[in-house]
Structures are given as C-alpha cells and as structure tokens.
C-alpha cells in the first residue's frame, strides 16, 4: 500500500468534504476528524483508493459520492457502537 500517494492526493482532494459532511451530521470537531481519518484508512486498505494518479482532477463524481457514503456508514457504525455500549 502506498500511503504517501494516498495521503497527498485523495485525502487532499476529499478530506474537507468528508469532514464537513460529518460535522453537518452532528459530530463534534474531534469526532469528525477521527472518523474522517478512519474512512480514508479503510478505503485505502480495503478498496484500492491508494492508486497512483488520484488527485482532484481525476476524481469522478461517483468516487466522491462513494467516499461520502463510506463516511455515512462509518458514522452509523460509530453511533450503533455507542448505543450498544450504553
């Protein structure tokens, strides 16, 4: 896995979108940061989003929507875990 390519390209292009989405969903600042990082690490590890050449100009609307949907599911999972622990 080439995390340097992943970090410099995809995170740079979509990190703010994911973070803002999570904030709009009611996450506190540090929770949104943590979940955003988890989303990109998961995508890098499991779905090949660390491919070379991924930058703002190469990201399709479908990929952007896919990443935002991954953020949504990460938030749902986190909230379910919190409810189960309560």
PDB file of N, CA and C in Angstrom:
ATOM      1  N   UNK A   1       0.845  -1.178   0.000  1.00  0.00           N
ATOM      2  CA  UNK A   1       0.000   0.000   0.000  1.00  0.00           C
ATOM      3  C   UNK A   1       0.884   1.234   0.000  1.00  0.00           C
ATOM      4  N   UNK A   2       0.585   2.164  -0.869  1.00  0.00           N
ATOM      5  CA  UNK A   2       1.376   3.377  -0.979  1.00  0.00           C
ATOM      6  C   UNK A   2       0.632   4.529  -0.312  1.00  0.00           C
ATOM      7  N   UNK A   3       0.799   4.646   1.008  1.00  0.00           N
ATOM      8  CA  UNK A   3       0.060   5.659   1.753  1.00  0.00           C
ATOM      9  C   UNK A   3       0.477   7.071   1.404  1.00  0.00           C
ATOM     10  N   UNK A   4       1.710   7.280   0.950  1.00  0.00           N
ATOM     11  CA  UNK A   4       2.128   8.642   0.619  1.00  0.00           C
ATOM     12  C   UNK A   4       1.345   9.163  -0.577  1.00  0.00           C
ATOM     13  N   UNK A   5       1.120   8.333  -1.580  1.00  0.00           N
ATOM     14  CA  UNK A   5       0.312   8.740  -2.723  1.00  0.00           C
ATOM     15  C   UNK A   5      -1.116   8.975  -2.269  1.00  0.00           C
ATOM     16  N   UNK A   6      -1.628   8.074  -1.452  1.00  0.00           N
ATOM     17  CA  UNK A   6      -2.984   8.193  -0.946  1.00  0.00           C
ATOM     18  C   UNK A   6      -3.150   9.479  -0.152  1.00  0.00           C
ATOM     19  N   UNK A   7      -2.239   9.736   0.753  1.00  0.00           N
ATOM     20  CA  UNK A   7      -2.339  10.901   1.615  1.00  0.00           C
ATOM     21  C   UNK A   7      -2.284  12.199   0.830  1.00  0.00           C
ATOM     22  N   UNK A   8      -1.397  12.272  -0.125  1.00  0.00           N
ATOM     23  CA  UNK A   8      -1.195  13.523  -0.852  1.00  0.00           C
ATOM     24  C   UNK A   8      -2.259  13.792  -1.898  1.00  0.00           C
ATOM     25  N   UNK A   9      -2.948  12.781  -2.344  1.00  0.00           N
ATOM     26  CA  UNK A   9      -3.873  13.006  -3.441  1.00  0.00           C
ATOM     27  C   UNK A   9      -5.330  12.927  -2.997  1.00  0.00           C
ATOM     28  N   UNK A  10      -5.780  11.743  -2.641  1.00  0.00           N
ATOM     29  CA  UNK A  10      -7.192  11.578  -2.338  1.00  0.00           C
ATOM     30  C   UNK A  10      -7.605  12.312  -1.080  1.00  0.00           C
ATOM     31  N   UNK A  11      -6.818  12.216  -0.037  1.00  0.00           N
ATOM     32  CA  UNK A  11      -7.173  12.938   1.187  1.00  0.00           C
ATOM     33  C   UNK A  11      -7.176  14.428   0.916  1.00  0.00           C
ATOM     34  N   UNK A  12      -6.189  14.919   0.204  1.00  0.00           N
ATOM     35  CA  UNK A  12      -6.148  16.336  -0.111  1.00  0.00           C
ATOM     36  C   UNK A  12      -7.357  16.784  -0.908  1.00  0.00           C
ATOM     37  N   UNK A  13      -7.861  15.909  -1.747  1.00  0.00           N
ATOM     38  CA  UNK A  13      -8.988  16.271  -2.600  1.00  0.00           C
ATOM     39  C   UNK A  13     -10.340  16.144  -1.905  1.00  0.00           C
ATOM     40  N   UNK A  14     -10.478  15.177  -1.001  1.00  0.00           N
ATOM     41  CA  UNK A  14     -11.798  14.896  -0.440  1.00  0.00           C
ATOM     42  C   UNK A  14     -11.912  15.016   1.071  1.00  0.00           C
ATOM     43  N   UNK A  15     -10.811  15.240   1.770  1.00  0.00           N
ATOM     44  CA  UNK A  15     -10.833  15.259   3.235  1.00  0.00           C
ATOM     45  C   UNK A  15     -11.822  16.305   3.752  1.00  0.00           C
ATOM     46  N   UNK A  16     -11.768  17.501   3.204  1.00  0.00           N
ATOM     47  CA  UNK A  16     -12.640  18.578   3.679  1.00  0.00           C
ATOM     48  C   UNK A  16     -14.107  18.228   3.444  1.00  0.00           C
ATOM     49  N   UNK A  17     -14.423  17.624   2.307  1.00  0.00           N
ATOM     50  CA  UNK A  17     -15.812  17.237   2.028  1.00  0.00           C
ATOM     51  C   UNK A  17     -16.324  16.241   3.060  1.00  0.00           C
ATOM     52  N   UNK A  18     -15.515  15.238   3.369  1.00  0.00           N
ATOM     53  CA  UNK A  18     -15.920  14.224   4.344  1.00  0.00           C
ATOM     54  C   UNK A  18     -16.051  14.851   5.729  1.00  0.00           C
ATOM     55  N   UNK A  19     -15.078  15.654   6.120  1.00  0.00           N
ATOM     56  CA  UNK A  19     -15.102  16.300   7.427  1.00  0.00           C
ATOM     57  C   UNK A  19     -16.349  17.176   7.574  1.00  0.00           C
ATOM     58  N   UNK A  20     -16.642  17.985   6.581  1.00  0.00           N
ATOM     59  CA  UNK A  20     -17.818  18.861   6.642  1.00  0.00           C
ATOM     60  C   UNK A  20     -19.111  18.053   6.698  1.00  0.00           C
ATOM     61  N   UNK A  21     -19.167  16.966   5.938  1.00  0.00           N
ATOM     62  CA  UNK A  21     -20.346  16.107   5.974  1.00  0.00           C
ATOM     63  C   UNK A  21     -20.573  15.585   7.388  1.00  0.00           C
ATOM     64  N   UNK A  22     -19.519  15.097   8.024  1.00  0.00           N
ATOM     65  CA  UNK A  22     -19.650  14.549   9.374  1.00  0.00           C
ATOM     66  C   UNK A  22     -20.026  15.624  10.386  1.00  0.00           C
ATOM     67  N   UNK A  23     -19.497  16.822  10.229  1.00  0.00           N
ATOM     68  CA  UNK A  23     -19.872  17.929  11.110  1.00  0.00           C
ATOM     69  C   UNK A  23     -21.362  18.262  10.940  1.00  0.00           C
ATOM     70  N   UNK A  24     -21.837  18.270   9.707  1.00  0.00           N
ATOM     71  CA  UNK A  24     -23.261  18.550   9.463  1.00  0.00           C
ATOM     72  C   UNK A  24     -24.161  17.482  10.070  1.00  0.00           C
ATOM     73  N   UNK A  25     -23.621  16.275  10.227  1.00  0.00           N
ATOM     74  CA  UNK A  25     -24.390  15.184  10.807  1.00  0.00           C
ATOM     75  C   UNK A  25     -24.368  15.205  12.336  1.00  0.00           C
ATOM     76  N   UNK A  26     -23.713  16.211  12.916  1.00  0.00           N
ATOM     77  CA  UNK A  26     -23.738  16.382  14.358  1.00  0.00           C
ATOM     78  C   UNK A  26     -22.497  15.930  15.106  1.00  0.00           C
ATOM     79  N   UNK A  27     -21.459  15.543  14.407  1.00  0.00           N
ATOM     80  CA  UNK A  27     -20.221  15.145  15.077  1.00  0.00           C
ATOM     81  C   UNK A  27     -19.511  16.366  15.642  1.00  0.00           C
ATOM     82  N   UNK A  28     -18.911  16.178  16.803  1.00  0.00           N
ATOM     83  CA  UNK A  28     -18.042  17.232  17.331  1.00  0.00           C
ATOM     84  C   UNK A  28     -16.767  17.257  16.487  1.00  0.00           C
ATOM     85  N   UNK A  29     -16.016  18.347  16.618  1.00  0.00           N
ATOM     86  CA  UNK A  29     -14.834  18.560  15.779  1.00  0.00           C
ATOM     87  C   UNK A  29     -13.877  17.364  15.815  1.00  0.00           C
ATOM     88  N   UNK A  30     -13.486  16.952  17.018  1.00  0.00           N
ATOM     89  CA  UNK A  30     -12.502  15.864  17.093  1.00  0.00           C
ATOM     90  C   UNK A  30     -13.085  14.532  16.630  1.00  0.00           C
ATOM     91  N   UNK A  31     -14.386  14.309  16.825  1.00  0.00           N
ATOM     92  CA  UNK A  31     -15.013  13.085  16.333  1.00  0.00           C
ATOM     93  C   UNK A  31     -15.024  13.058  14.809  1.00  0.00           C
ATOM     94  N   UNK A  32     -15.326  14.207  14.208  1.00  0.00           N
ATOM     95  CA  UNK A  32     -15.330  14.291  12.747  1.00  0.00           C
ATOM     96  C   UNK A  32     -13.925  14.056  12.182  1.00  0.00           C
ATOM     97  N   UNK A  33     -12.908  14.600  12.844  1.00  0.00           N
ATOM     98  CA  UNK A  33     -11.534  14.359  12.391  1.00  0.00           C
ATOM     99  C   UNK A  33     -11.185  12.877  12.471  1.00  0.00           C
ATOM    100  N   UNK A  34     -11.512  12.241  13.608  1.00  0.00           N
ATOM    101  CA  UNK A  34     -11.196  10.825  13.781  1.00  0.00           C
ATOM    102  C   UNK A  34     -11.920   9.952  12.763  1.00  0.00           C
ATOM    103  N   UNK A  35     -13.203  10.213  12.572  1.00  0.00           N
ATOM    104  CA  UNK A  35     -13.970   9.423  11.611  1.00  0.00           C
ATOM    105  C   UNK A  35     -13.485   9.649  10.185  1.00  0.00           C
ATOM    106  N   UNK A  36     -13.123  10.869   9.866  1.00  0.00           N
ATOM    107  CA  UNK A  36     -12.599  11.155   8.528  1.00  0.00           C
ATOM    108  C   UNK A  36     -11.341  10.338   8.277  1.00  0.00           C
ATOM    109  N   UNK A  37     -10.466  10.310   9.254  1.00  0.00           N
ATOM    110  CA  UNK A  37      -9.242   9.516   9.115  1.00  0.00           C
ATOM    111  C   UNK A  37      -9.576   8.033   8.973  1.00  0.00           C
ATOM    112  N   UNK A  38     -10.513   7.537   9.757  1.00  0.00           N
ATOM    113  CA  UNK A  38     -10.906   6.132   9.666  1.00  0.00           C
ATOM    114  C   UNK A  38     -11.459   5.796   8.287  1.00  0.00           C
ATOM    115  N   UNK A  39     -12.258   6.692   7.740  1.00  0.00           N
ATOM    116  CA  UNK A  39     -12.843   6.458   6.419  1.00  0.00           C
ATOM    117  C   UNK A  39     -11.738   6.291   5.375  1.00  0.00           C
ATOM    118  N   UNK A  40     -10.788   7.205   5.364  1.00  0.00           N
ATOM    119  CA  UNK A  40      -9.743   7.127   4.343  1.00  0.00           C
ATOM    120  C   UNK A  40      -8.801   5.949   4.560  1.00  0.00           C
ATOM    121  N   UNK A  41      -8.542   5.605   5.797  1.00  0.00           N
ATOM    122  CA  UNK A  41      -7.703   4.426   6.057  1.00  0.00           C
ATOM    123  C   UNK A  41      -8.413   3.161   5.597  1.00  0.00           C
ATOM    124  N   UNK A  42      -9.694   3.074   5.870  1.00  0.00           N
ATOM    125  CA  UNK A  42     -10.468   1.913   5.432  1.00  0.00           C
ATOM    126  C   UNK A  42     -10.514   1.818   3.908  1.00  0.00           C
ATOM    127  N   UNK A  43     -10.762   2.931   3.259  1.00  0.00           N
ATOM    128  CA  UNK A  43     -10.809   2.923   1.796  1.00  0.00           C
ATOM    129  C   UNK A  43      -9.455   2.558   1.207  1.00  0.00           C
ATOM    130  N   UNK A  44      -8.404   3.036   1.823  1.00  0.00           N
ATOM    131  CA  UNK A  44      -7.066   2.728   1.335  1.00  0.00           C
ATOM    132  C   UNK A  44      -6.764   1.246   1.478  1.00  0.00           C
ATOM    133  N   UNK A  45      -7.118   0.712   2.625  1.00  0.00           N
ATOM    134  CA  UNK A  45      -6.801  -0.683   2.926  1.00  0.00           C
ATOM    135  C   UNK A  45      -7.672  -1.650   2.151  1.00  0.00           C
ATOM    136  N   UNK A  46      -8.949  -1.358   2.045  1.00  0.00           N
ATOM    137  CA  UNK A  46      -9.905  -2.338   1.545  1.00  0.00           C
ATOM    138  C   UNK A  46     -10.382  -2.133   0.119  1.00  0.00           C
ATOM    139  N   UNK A  47     -10.205  -0.941  -0.427  1.00  0.00           N
ATOM    140  CA  UNK A  47     -10.830  -0.661  -1.714  1.00  0.00           C
ATOM    141  C   UNK A  47      -9.895  -0.059  -2.753  1.00  0.00           C
ATOM    142  N   UNK A  48      -8.612  -0.022  -2.497  1.00  0.00           N
ATOM    143  CA  UNK A  48      -7.667   0.415  -3.503  1.00  0.00           C
ATOM    144  C   UNK A  48      -7.689   1.885  -3.842  1.00  0.00           C
ATOM    145  N   UNK A  49      -8.142   2.728  -2.925  1.00  0.00           N
ATOM    146  CA  UNK A  49      -8.149   4.154  -3.198  1.00  0.00           C
ATOM    147  C   UNK A  49      -6.772   4.782  -3.053  1.00  0.00           C
ATOM    148  N   UNK A  50      -5.759   3.950  -2.910  1.00  0.00           N
ATOM    149  CA  UNK A  50      -4.408   4.480  -2.830  1.00  0.00           C
ATOM    150  C   UNK A  50      -3.697   4.401  -4.176  1.00  0.00           C
ATOM    151  N   UNK A  51      -4.466   4.243  -5.232  1.00  0.00           N
ATOM    152  CA  UNK A  51      -3.850   4.091  -6.550  1.00  0.00           C
ATOM    153  C   UNK A  51      -3.145   5.375  -6.973  1.00  0.00           C
ATOM    154  N   UNK A  52      -2.051   5.258  -7.696  1.00  0.00           N
ATOM    155  CA  UNK A  52      -1.342   6.455  -8.160  1.00  0.00           C
ATOM    156  C   UNK A  52      -2.197   7.282  -9.111  1.00  0.00           C
ATOM    157  N   UNK A  53      -1.950   8.564  -9.109  1.00  0.00           N
ATOM    158  CA  UNK A  53      -2.615   9.457 -10.050  1.00  0.00           C
ATOM    159  C   UNK A  53      -3.984   9.929  -9.624  1.00  0.00           C
ATOM    160  N   UNK A  54      -4.363   9.653  -8.379  1.00  0.00           N
ATOM    161  CA  UNK A  54      -5.660  10.109  -7.907  1.00  0.00           C
ATOM    162  C   UNK A  54      -5.505  11.498  -7.326  1.00  0.00           C
ATOM    163  N   UNK A  55      -5.973  12.486  -8.016  1.00  0.00           N
ATOM    164  CA  UNK A  55      -5.951  13.849  -7.489  1.00  0.00           C
ATOM    165  C   UNK A  55      -7.293  14.498  -7.789  1.00  0.00           C
ATOM    166  N   UNK A  56      -7.445  15.741  -7.417  1.00  0.00           N
ATOM    167  CA  UNK A  56      -8.720  16.429  -7.559  1.00  0.00           C
ATOM    168  C   UNK A  56      -9.261  16.342  -8.987  1.00  0.00           C
ATOM    169  N   UNK A  57      -8.408  16.475  -9.971  1.00  0.00           N
ATOM    170  CA  UNK A  57      -8.875  16.479 -11.355  1.00  0.00           C
ATOM    171  C   UNK A  57      -9.253  15.086 -11.847  1.00  0.00           C
ATOM    172  N   UNK A  58      -8.766  14.034 -11.177  1.00  0.00           N
ATOM    173  CA  UNK A  58      -9.044  12.672 -11.619  1.00  0.00           C
ATOM    174  C   UNK A  58     -10.167  11.993 -10.843  1.00  0.00           C
ATOM    175  N   UNK A  59     -10.729  12.637  -9.847  1.00  0.00           N
ATOM    176  CA  UNK A  59     -11.771  12.021  -9.040  1.00  0.00           C
ATOM    177  C   UNK A  59     -13.121  12.288  -9.684  1.00  0.00           C
ATOM    178  N   UNK A  60     -13.827  11.212  -9.979  1.00  0.00           N
ATOM    179  CA  UNK A  60     -15.136  11.356 -10.609  1.00  0.00           C
ATOM    180  C   UNK A  60     -16.190  11.659  -9.542  1.00  0.00           C
ATOM    181  N   UNK A  61     -17.337  12.187  -9.963  1.00  0.00           N
ATOM    182  CA  UNK A  61     -18.426  12.403  -9.001  1.00  0.00           C
ATOM    183  C   UNK A  61     -18.854  11.104  -8.324  1.00  0.00           C
ATOM    184  N   UNK A  62     -18.754   9.991  -9.039  1.00  0.00           N
ATOM    185  CA  UNK A  62     -19.123   8.697  -8.463  1.00  0.00           C
ATOM    186  C   UNK A  62     -18.168   8.316  -7.332  1.00  0.00           C
ATOM    187  N   UNK A  63     -16.880   8.562  -7.528  1.00  0.00           N
ATOM    188  CA  UNK A  63     -15.911   8.277  -6.469  1.00  0.00           C
ATOM    189  C   UNK A  63     -16.147   9.178  -5.263  1.00  0.00           C
ATOM    190  N   UNK A  64     -16.423  10.437  -5.503  1.00  0.00           N
ATOM    191  CA  UNK A  64     -16.693  11.365  -4.404  1.00  0.00           C
ATOM    192  C   UNK A  64     -17.917  10.900  -3.624  1.00  0.00           C
ATOM    193  N   UNK A  65     -18.977  10.541  -4.323  1.00  0.00           N
ATOM    194  CA  UNK A  65     -20.180  10.054  -3.658  1.00  0.00           C
ATOM    195  C   UNK A  65     -19.914   8.767  -2.886  1.00  0.00           C
ATOM    196  N   UNK A  66     -19.082   7.899  -3.444  1.00  0.00           N
ATOM    197  CA  UNK A  66     -18.720   6.648  -2.781  1.00  0.00           C
ATOM    198  C   UNK A  66     -18.011   6.935  -1.455  1.00  0.00           C
ATOM    199  N   UNK A  67     -17.094   7.883  -1.463  1.00  0.00           N
ATOM    200  CA  UNK A  67     -16.362   8.246  -0.248  1.00  0.00           C
ATOM    201  C   UNK A  67     -17.319   8.850   0.778  1.00  0.00           C
ATOM    202  N   UNK A  68     -18.214   9.709   0.359  1.00  0.00           N
ATOM    203  CA  UNK A  68     -19.186  10.295   1.292  1.00  0.00           C
ATOM    204  C   UNK A  68     -20.130   9.232   1.849  1.00  0.00           C
ATOM    205  N   UNK A  69     -20.483   8.268   1.034  1.00  0.00           N
ATOM    206  CA  UNK A  69     -21.326   7.172   1.531  1.00  0.00           C
ATOM    207  C   UNK A  69     -20.550   6.327   2.542  1.00  0.00           C
ATOM    208  N   UNK A  70     -19.274   6.115   2.303  1.00  0.00           N
ATOM    209  CA  UNK A  70     -18.447   5.397   3.271  1.00  0.00           C
ATOM    210  C   UNK A  70     -18.409   6.147   4.598  1.00  0.00           C
ATOM    211  N   UNK A  71     -18.354   7.479   4.535  1.00  0.00           N
ATOM    212  CA  UNK A  71     -18.375   8.296   5.753  1.00  0.00           C
ATOM    213  C   UNK A  71     -19.711   8.130   6.471  1.00  0.00           C
ATOM    214  N   UNK A  72     -20.779   8.096   5.717  1.00  0.00           N
ATOM    215  CA  UNK A  72     -22.107   7.907   6.316  1.00  0.00           C
ATOM    216  C   UNK A  72     -22.178   6.581   7.058  1.00  0.00           C
ATOM    217  N   UNK A  73     -21.701   5.512   6.433  1.00  0.00           N
ATOM    218  CA  UNK A  73     -21.745   4.201   7.075  1.00  0.00           C
ATOM    219  C   UNK A  73     -20.810   4.125   8.284  1.00  0.00           C
ATOM    220  N   UNK A  74     -19.677   4.800   8.212  1.00  0.00           N
ATOM    221  CA  UNK A  74     -18.770   4.839   9.372  1.00  0.00           C
ATOM    222  C   UNK A  74     -19.448   5.537  10.550  1.00  0.00           C
ATOM    223  N   UNK A  75     -20.170   6.605  10.267  1.00  0.00           N
ATOM    224  CA  UNK A  75     -20.893   7.327  11.315  1.00  0.00           C
ATOM    225  C   UNK A  75     -22.002   6.454  11.903  1.00  0.00           C
ATOM    226  N   UNK A  76     -22.730   5.762  11.059  1.00  0.00           N
ATOM    227  CA  UNK A  76     -23.791   4.863  11.542  1.00  0.00           C
ATOM    228  C   UNK A  76     -23.192   3.782  12.434  1.00  0.00           C
ATOM    229  N   UNK A  77     -22.085   3.183  12.000  1.00  0.00           N
ATOM    230  CA  UNK A  77     -21.422   2.154  12.807  1.00  0.00           C
ATOM    231  C   UNK A  77     -20.983   2.699  14.155  1.00  0.00           C
ATOM    232  N   UNK A  78     -20.429   3.907  14.161  1.00  0.00           N
ATOM    233  CA  UNK A  78     -19.985   4.508  15.406  1.00  0.00           C
ATOM    234  C   UNK A  78     -21.167   4.743  16.343  1.00  0.00           C
ATOM    235  N   UNK A  79     -22.245   5.253  15.820  1.00  0.00           N
ATOM    236  CA  UNK A  79     -23.424   5.519  16.658  1.00  0.00           C
ATOM    237  C   UNK A  79     -24.031   4.230  17.191  1.00  0.00           C
ATOM    238  N   UNK A  80     -24.043   3.181  16.401  1.00  0.00           N
ATOM    239  CA  UNK A  80     -24.534   1.885  16.878  1.00  0.00           C
ATOM    240  C   UNK A  80     -23.652   1.342  17.994  1.00  0.00           C
ATOM    241  N   UNK A  81     -22.350   1.485  17.836  1.00  0.00           N
ATOM    242  CA  UNK A  81     -21.429   1.030  18.881  1.00  0.00           C
ATOM    243  C   UNK A  81     -21.633   1.806  20.175  1.00  0.00           C
ATOM    244  N   UNK A  82     -21.846   3.103  20.057  1.00  0.00           N
ATOM    245  CA  UNK A  82     -22.083   3.919  21.245  1.00  0.00           C
ATOM    246  C   UNK A  82     -23.380   3.521  21.933  1.00  0.00           C
ATOM    247  N   UNK A  83     -24.420   3.232  21.164  1.00  0.00           N
ATOM    248  CA  UNK A  83     -25.690   2.819  21.747  1.00  0.00           C
ATOM    249  C   UNK A  83     -25.576   1.458  22.426  1.00  0.00           C
ATOM    250  N   UNK A  84     -24.818   0.551  21.813  1.00  0.00           N
ATOM    251  CA  UNK A  84     -24.647  -0.771  22.386  1.00  0.00           C
ATOM    252  C   UNK A  84     -23.872  -0.719  23.697  1.00  0.00           C
ATOM    253  N   UNK A  85     -22.937   0.231  23.791  1.00  0.00           N
ATOM    254  CA  UNK A  85     -22.126   0.363  24.987  1.00  0.00           C
ATOM    255  C   UNK A  85     -22.897   1.037  26.116  1.00  0.00           C
ATOM    256  N   UNK A  86     -23.954   1.754  25.770  1.00  0.00           N
ATOM    257  CA  UNK A  86     -24.719   2.494  26.800  1.00  0.00           C
ATOM    258  C   UNK A  86     -25.693   1.627  27.552  1.00  0.00           C
TER     259      UNK A  86
END
